[in-house]
Amino acid sequence: MPRPWSIEMKWSKKYVIMLVLILLATSFIIGVITSTHFFGTTGSLNLQRFEGLMAPKLEAAKTITTAPTVVNLADRAEAEGSQLPQQIKYVNRMIIRTANINMEAEDPEKVVNEIMLIADSLGGYVESMGVHENERISANIVVRVPEKSFFEALTRIRGLGKVLREEISGKDVTEQYIDLEARLRNLKAEEEWLLKAMDKAKNVQELMVVERELWRIRGEIERIEGQLKYLERRVEYSTIMVYITQLGKPRPTPSPYPSFDITPALAAAITAIYYIIYGLTFLVIAGAPVAVLVYAGYRVYRRFVAR
C-alpha cells in the first residue's frame, strides 16, 4: 500500500480552470497595485473626445485702478449742439449701463468666442459664459467692458448675427453715490471726535464705552467704502448680456434606442489585459526565488522522510 504522502492528487478540469482564474485575478490585482505604486498611475487608457471650438482663455477679472467713469452733461451738450440749464451744466452723472441682446447665428459657439475677443480687445473681461445643446445649440455670455467702449462693443456684437431683441438701460446712481460720500464724511468726523474723547476718558468704563462706539463707527465706514467701490466698478465697466440661438431647423429627435459604442468596452479590455500581464510579470520576477526555496525544501523533506 503506497504511503499517504506519496499519493499523487488527480486534478480535474474543473480545479484546473478555477486555479487559472484565481491566478489571473491575483495577477490583475497585483498589476493594479504595483503599477499605481511604482509609476504613480493606474495604467488605464484615457480616450478623450475633442469637441467644439476651443475658446481663448481670457482674464476672469481686471484690477480697477482708475477713478469712476462719469458722463459729463456739458461735454455731451456741446457735442450735440444743445443747451443745458445753468444749474446742471457742470454736473457729472454716474450711470450704470446694461445691455441685453437676443440673437440668432449659424454657430453660437463661434459667436461666443468672437464676443470674448471683442471684450478683451476693448479692455474688458468675461464674467460668465455657457454653451447648451438641446434641439438647437444655444449659448449665453456676459461681458464687462469699459463705459467709454460700451456702444462700440454693441455695434461689433450686432454684426455677429441676426438681432432678435435688444434692450439698453442706464441706472443713474449719482445721488446714491453723493449721499454715501456725505455719510462717509460724517462718520469720519465722528471717528475723529471719538479718538479725541478716548484721550480724555477719566476711567476704564468711559474708555470702554468710547471704544465700543468707535468700533461701530469704523464698521460703518468700511461698509460704506465698500459700497462706493462697488458703484465705481459698476459705473466704470458696463455690462453686456448676450443670448445666442442656432439658425435653421431644430435638430432631429434622437433615436429612443441606445447606440452601440464598443470604445469603452475595448478600452476596459485592453486595460485589464495590461494589468494581468503586468501582474504575471511581477509574480514571476518576485516569486521565482521563493518558488526555488520552497521546491528545495520539499525535496529535502521527501528525502528525510524516505529514510
Protein backbone atom coordinates (compact mmCIF):
# COMPACT_ATOMS: atom_id res chain seq x y z
CA MET A 1 0.00 0.00 0.00
CA PRO A 2 1.51 3.33 -1.02
CA ARG A 3 2.30 5.83 1.68
CA PRO A 4 -0.16 8.77 2.14
CA TRP A 5 2.46 11.39 1.23
CA SER A 6 3.40 9.53 -1.98
CA ILE A 7 -0.14 9.50 -3.40
CA GLU A 8 -0.37 11.99 -6.29
CA MET A 9 -3.51 14.11 -6.39
CA LYS A 10 -5.51 13.94 -9.62
CA TRP A 11 -6.72 17.32 -10.74
CA SER A 12 -9.91 17.50 -12.71
CA LYS A 13 -10.52 20.09 -15.42
CA LYS A 14 -12.78 21.97 -13.00
CA TYR A 15 -9.98 22.55 -10.50
CA VAL A 16 -7.53 23.48 -13.24
CA ILE A 17 -9.92 26.16 -14.57
CA MET A 18 -10.51 27.50 -11.04
CA LEU A 19 -6.75 27.69 -10.45
CA VAL A 20 -6.19 29.59 -13.71
CA LEU A 21 -8.98 32.07 -12.87
CA ILE A 22 -7.56 32.62 -9.40
CA LEU A 23 -4.10 33.18 -10.90
CA LEU A 24 -5.46 35.70 -13.43
CA ALA A 25 -7.44 37.56 -10.76
CA THR A 26 -4.40 37.66 -8.48
CA SER A 27 -2.25 38.92 -11.35
CA PHE A 28 -4.81 41.63 -12.16
CA ILE A 29 -4.95 42.87 -8.56
CA ILE A 30 -1.16 42.84 -8.20
CA GLY A 31 -0.82 44.63 -11.54
CA VAL A 32 -3.15 47.42 -10.42
CA ILE A 33 -1.48 47.84 -7.02
CA THR A 34 2.13 47.71 -8.19
CA SER A 35 1.54 49.83 -11.29
CA THR A 36 -0.03 52.53 -9.16
CA HIS A 37 2.65 52.29 -6.51
CA PHE A 38 5.73 52.35 -8.74
CA PHE A 39 4.58 54.56 -11.58
CA GLY A 40 2.03 56.81 -9.90
CA THR A 41 -0.68 55.90 -12.44
CA THR A 42 -3.36 53.26 -12.86
CA GLY A 43 -2.26 52.47 -16.37
CA SER A 44 -5.77 52.88 -17.75
CA LEU A 45 -6.36 54.28 -21.21
CA ASN A 46 -7.99 57.66 -21.24
CA LEU A 47 -9.84 58.23 -24.51
CA GLN A 48 -10.64 61.92 -24.75
CA ARG A 49 -13.03 63.39 -27.25
CA PHE A 50 -12.11 66.81 -28.56
CA GLU A 51 -15.36 68.65 -29.23
CA GLY A 52 -16.22 72.17 -30.32
CA LEU A 53 -14.06 75.18 -30.79
CA MET A 54 -11.56 75.94 -28.05
CA ALA A 55 -12.35 79.33 -26.61
CA PRO A 56 -9.42 81.62 -25.86
CA LYS A 57 -8.53 81.98 -22.23
CA LEU A 58 -9.31 85.45 -21.10
CA GLU A 59 -8.76 87.02 -17.73
CA ALA A 60 -11.62 86.44 -15.32
CA ALA A 61 -11.22 89.90 -13.87
CA LYS A 62 -9.15 93.01 -14.23
CA THR A 63 -7.87 95.29 -11.48
CA ILE A 64 -9.54 98.67 -11.47
CA THR A 65 -7.17 101.46 -10.63
CA THR A 66 -8.71 104.49 -12.28
CA ALA A 67 -11.37 106.86 -11.00
CA PRO A 68 -15.05 106.09 -11.77
CA THR A 69 -16.19 106.87 -15.30
CA VAL A 70 -18.88 109.52 -15.39
CA VAL A 71 -20.92 111.22 -18.06
CA ASN A 72 -20.26 114.93 -18.37
CA LEU A 73 -23.53 116.53 -19.44
CA ALA A 74 -21.84 119.73 -20.53
CA ASP A 75 -19.48 117.91 -22.90
CA ARG A 76 -22.33 115.90 -24.37
CA ALA A 77 -24.47 119.01 -24.83
CA GLU A 78 -21.62 120.76 -26.60
CA ALA A 79 -21.13 117.78 -28.92
CA GLU A 80 -24.85 117.64 -29.73
CA GLY A 81 -25.20 121.40 -30.14
CA SER A 82 -27.84 121.73 -27.43
CA GLN A 83 -28.08 123.86 -24.31
CA LEU A 84 -28.43 122.76 -20.71
CA PRO A 85 -29.76 124.71 -17.75
CA GLN A 86 -27.04 126.65 -15.99
CA GLN A 87 -27.61 124.88 -12.66
CA ILE A 88 -26.71 121.43 -14.08
CA LYS A 89 -24.24 122.47 -16.74
CA TYR A 90 -21.19 121.11 -14.96
CA VAL A 91 -22.75 118.19 -13.11
CA ASN A 92 -21.12 114.79 -13.75
CA ARG A 93 -23.55 111.89 -13.75
CA MET A 94 -22.66 108.33 -12.71
CA ILE A 95 -24.62 105.90 -14.86
CA ILE A 96 -24.56 102.09 -14.73
CA ARG A 97 -25.19 100.89 -18.28
CA THR A 98 -26.58 97.44 -19.09
CA ALA A 99 -27.46 95.85 -22.45
CA ASN A 100 -29.39 92.64 -23.11
CA ILE A 101 -29.26 91.14 -26.62
CA ASN A 102 -31.03 88.08 -28.06
CA MET A 103 -29.72 86.98 -31.44
CA GLU A 104 -29.53 84.07 -33.89
CA ALA A 105 -26.39 82.73 -35.58
CA GLU A 106 -25.32 79.66 -37.52
CA ASP A 107 -22.61 78.80 -35.00
CA PRO A 108 -23.37 80.08 -31.45
CA GLU A 109 -20.06 78.74 -30.11
CA LYS A 110 -18.12 80.75 -32.66
CA VAL A 111 -20.12 83.88 -31.82
CA VAL A 112 -19.33 83.43 -28.12
CA ASN A 113 -15.63 83.22 -28.92
CA GLU A 114 -15.86 86.37 -31.05
CA ILE A 115 -17.60 88.25 -28.23
CA MET A 116 -14.87 87.16 -25.81
CA LEU A 117 -12.25 88.55 -28.19
CA ILE A 118 -14.18 91.82 -28.60
CA ALA A 119 -14.39 92.31 -24.83
CA ASP A 120 -10.70 91.56 -24.41
CA SER A 121 -9.67 93.93 -27.22
CA LEU A 122 -11.62 96.78 -25.61
CA GLY A 123 -10.07 96.23 -22.19
CA GLY A 124 -13.00 94.30 -20.75
CA TYR A 125 -13.41 90.75 -19.48
CA VAL A 126 -15.80 87.80 -19.47
CA GLU A 127 -17.98 87.49 -16.38
CA SER A 128 -19.69 84.21 -17.35
CA MET A 129 -20.45 82.05 -20.38
CA GLY A 130 -22.04 78.74 -21.28
CA VAL A 131 -23.00 76.56 -24.26
CA HIS A 132 -26.03 74.26 -24.23
CA GLU A 133 -27.17 71.53 -26.65
CA ASN A 134 -30.86 70.61 -26.82
CA GLU A 135 -32.86 70.58 -30.06
CA ARG A 136 -30.67 73.50 -31.11
CA ILE A 137 -27.31 74.70 -29.88
CA SER A 138 -27.60 77.81 -27.73
CA ALA A 139 -25.07 79.90 -25.85
CA ASN A 140 -25.03 82.77 -23.41
CA ILE A 141 -22.28 85.13 -22.33
CA VAL A 142 -21.95 88.11 -20.00
CA VAL A 143 -19.08 90.53 -20.58
CA ARG A 144 -17.99 93.74 -18.86
CA VAL A 145 -16.44 96.47 -20.99
CA PRO A 146 -15.23 99.99 -20.13
CA GLU A 147 -18.10 102.52 -20.22
CA LYS A 148 -16.37 104.54 -22.93
CA SER A 149 -16.35 101.45 -25.20
CA PHE A 150 -19.92 100.35 -24.42
CA PHE A 151 -21.55 101.46 -27.68
CA GLU A 152 -18.59 100.33 -29.78
CA ALA A 153 -18.87 96.86 -28.27
CA LEU A 154 -22.61 96.77 -29.02
CA THR A 155 -22.01 97.73 -32.65
CA ARG A 156 -19.44 94.98 -33.12
CA ILE A 157 -21.60 92.36 -31.39
CA ARG A 158 -24.64 93.22 -33.54
CA GLY A 159 -22.63 92.29 -36.63
CA LEU A 160 -22.10 88.71 -35.44
CA GLY A 161 -25.65 87.52 -36.13
CA LYS A 162 -29.31 88.40 -36.53
CA VAL A 163 -30.51 90.50 -33.58
CA LEU A 164 -33.99 89.47 -32.41
CA ARG A 165 -34.29 91.72 -29.37
CA GLU A 166 -32.12 94.37 -27.79
CA GLU A 167 -32.61 96.30 -24.56
CA ILE A 168 -30.34 99.02 -23.21
CA SER A 169 -30.82 100.53 -19.77
CA GLY A 170 -28.98 103.09 -17.69
CA LYS A 171 -29.29 103.49 -13.94
CA ASP A 172 -28.29 106.87 -12.54
CA VAL A 173 -26.55 106.34 -9.20
CA THR A 174 -25.21 109.88 -8.85
CA GLU A 175 -27.44 110.81 -5.90
CA GLN A 176 -26.76 107.48 -4.18
CA TYR A 177 -23.01 107.99 -4.60
CA ILE A 178 -23.16 111.59 -3.31
CA ASP A 179 -25.27 110.51 -0.33
CA LEU A 180 -22.79 107.75 0.55
CA GLU A 181 -19.89 110.19 0.31
CA ALA A 182 -21.68 112.60 2.67
CA ARG A 183 -22.36 109.82 5.16
CA LEU A 184 -18.73 108.74 4.93
CA ARG A 185 -17.51 112.26 5.70
CA ASN A 186 -19.82 112.48 8.72
CA LEU A 187 -18.69 109.10 10.01
CA LYS A 188 -15.03 110.02 9.68
CA ALA A 189 -15.68 113.27 11.54
CA GLU A 190 -17.39 111.28 14.28
CA GLU A 191 -14.45 108.86 14.34
CA GLU A 192 -12.05 111.76 14.84
CA TRP A 193 -14.20 113.13 17.67
CA LEU A 194 -14.26 109.71 19.38
CA LEU A 195 -10.47 109.44 19.16
CA LYS A 196 -10.19 112.76 20.97
CA ALA A 197 -12.78 111.63 23.53
CA MET A 198 -10.75 108.49 24.16
CA ASP A 199 -7.77 110.59 25.21
CA LYS A 200 -10.00 112.46 27.66
CA ALA A 201 -11.58 109.38 29.25
CA LYS A 202 -11.30 109.53 33.05
CA ASN A 203 -11.74 105.84 33.86
CA VAL A 204 -11.85 102.39 32.31
CA GLN A 205 -15.64 102.37 31.98
CA GLU A 206 -15.69 105.58 29.92
CA LEU A 207 -12.84 104.23 27.81
CA MET A 208 -14.74 101.00 27.06
CA VAL A 209 -17.87 102.93 26.04
CA VAL A 210 -15.87 105.10 23.66
CA GLU A 211 -14.03 102.10 22.20
CA ARG A 212 -17.31 100.25 21.60
CA GLU A 213 -18.75 103.22 19.74
CA LEU A 214 -15.51 103.65 17.81
CA TRP A 215 -15.62 100.05 16.60
CA ARG A 216 -19.21 100.53 15.44
CA ILE A 217 -18.32 103.71 13.54
CA ARG A 218 -15.34 102.07 11.86
CA GLY A 219 -17.52 99.15 10.79
CA GLU A 220 -19.95 101.59 9.17
CA ILE A 221 -17.05 103.35 7.45
CA GLU A 222 -15.78 100.07 5.96
CA ARG A 223 -19.27 99.14 4.79
CA ILE A 224 -19.86 102.48 3.04
CA GLU A 225 -16.39 102.45 1.48
CA GLY A 226 -17.23 99.01 0.06
CA GLN A 227 -20.49 100.34 -1.41
CA LEU A 228 -18.67 103.27 -3.00
CA LYS A 229 -16.08 100.98 -4.60
CA TYR A 230 -18.86 98.70 -5.87
CA LEU A 231 -20.65 101.63 -7.54
CA GLU A 232 -17.38 102.84 -9.04
CA ARG A 233 -16.72 99.41 -10.57
CA ARG A 234 -20.26 99.12 -11.94
CA VAL A 235 -20.06 102.59 -13.49
CA GLU A 236 -16.60 102.12 -14.96
CA TYR A 237 -17.42 98.74 -16.53
CA SER A 238 -20.76 98.39 -18.34
CA THR A 239 -22.48 95.00 -18.62
CA ILE A 240 -23.49 93.32 -21.88
CA MET A 241 -25.54 90.10 -21.74
CA VAL A 242 -25.93 88.15 -24.99
CA TYR A 243 -28.06 85.06 -25.64
CA ILE A 244 -27.47 83.25 -28.97
CA THR A 245 -29.59 80.50 -30.56
CA GLN A 246 -28.75 78.47 -33.65
CA LEU A 247 -30.29 79.30 -37.02
CA GLY A 248 -32.10 76.69 -39.10
CA LYS A 249 -34.33 73.75 -38.36
CA PRO A 250 -34.24 72.02 -34.98
CA ARG A 251 -32.02 69.02 -34.69
CA PRO A 252 -33.72 65.65 -35.35
CA THR A 253 -35.08 63.92 -32.28
CA PRO A 254 -32.57 61.32 -31.10
CA SER A 255 -33.49 57.66 -31.52
CA PRO A 256 -35.09 56.02 -28.45
CA TYR A 257 -32.86 53.00 -28.99
CA PRO A 258 -29.47 53.15 -27.33
CA SER A 259 -26.48 53.48 -29.62
CA PHE A 260 -23.81 50.78 -29.53
CA ASP A 261 -20.30 52.03 -28.91
CA ILE A 262 -17.56 49.44 -28.36
CA THR A 263 -14.92 52.05 -27.49
CA PRO A 264 -15.41 51.94 -23.67
CA ALA A 265 -15.53 48.12 -23.66
CA LEU A 266 -12.41 47.91 -25.83
CA ALA A 267 -10.56 50.34 -23.57
CA ALA A 268 -11.57 48.35 -20.48
CA ALA A 269 -10.44 45.08 -22.08
CA ILE A 270 -7.04 46.50 -23.05
CA THR A 271 -6.61 47.90 -19.55
CA ALA A 272 -7.47 44.53 -17.97
CA ILE A 273 -5.01 42.70 -20.24
CA TYR A 274 -2.33 45.23 -19.31
CA TYR A 275 -2.90 44.64 -15.60
CA ILE A 276 -2.87 40.83 -16.00
CA ILE A 277 0.38 40.83 -17.97
CA TYR A 278 1.96 43.25 -15.51
CA GLY A 279 0.80 41.14 -12.55
CA LEU A 280 2.08 37.88 -14.07
CA THR A 281 5.43 39.50 -14.77
CA PHE A 282 5.60 40.73 -11.20
CA LEU A 283 4.67 37.27 -9.85
CA VAL A 284 7.33 35.56 -11.97
CA ILE A 285 10.07 38.01 -11.02
CA ALA A 286 9.17 38.29 -7.35
CA GLY A 287 8.01 34.69 -6.86
CA ALA A 288 10.80 32.82 -8.64
CA PRO A 289 13.29 32.93 -5.73
CA VAL A 290 10.58 31.91 -3.28
CA ALA A 291 9.48 29.02 -5.52
CA VAL A 292 13.07 27.72 -5.77
CA LEU A 293 13.45 27.76 -1.98
CA VAL A 294 10.10 26.04 -1.45
CA TYR A 295 10.92 23.33 -4.02
CA ALA A 296 14.36 22.71 -2.49
CA GLY A 297 12.83 22.41 0.96
CA TYR A 298 10.21 20.00 -0.34
CA ARG A 299 12.89 17.77 -1.90
CA VAL A 300 14.90 17.73 1.32
CA TYR A 301 11.76 16.90 3.26
CA ARG A 302 10.91 13.95 1.00
CA ARG A 303 14.43 12.53 1.25
CA PHE A 304 14.36 12.86 5.01
CA VAL A 305 11.00 11.10 5.28
CA ALA A 306 12.08 8.37 2.83
CA ARG A 307 14.92 7.41 5.17
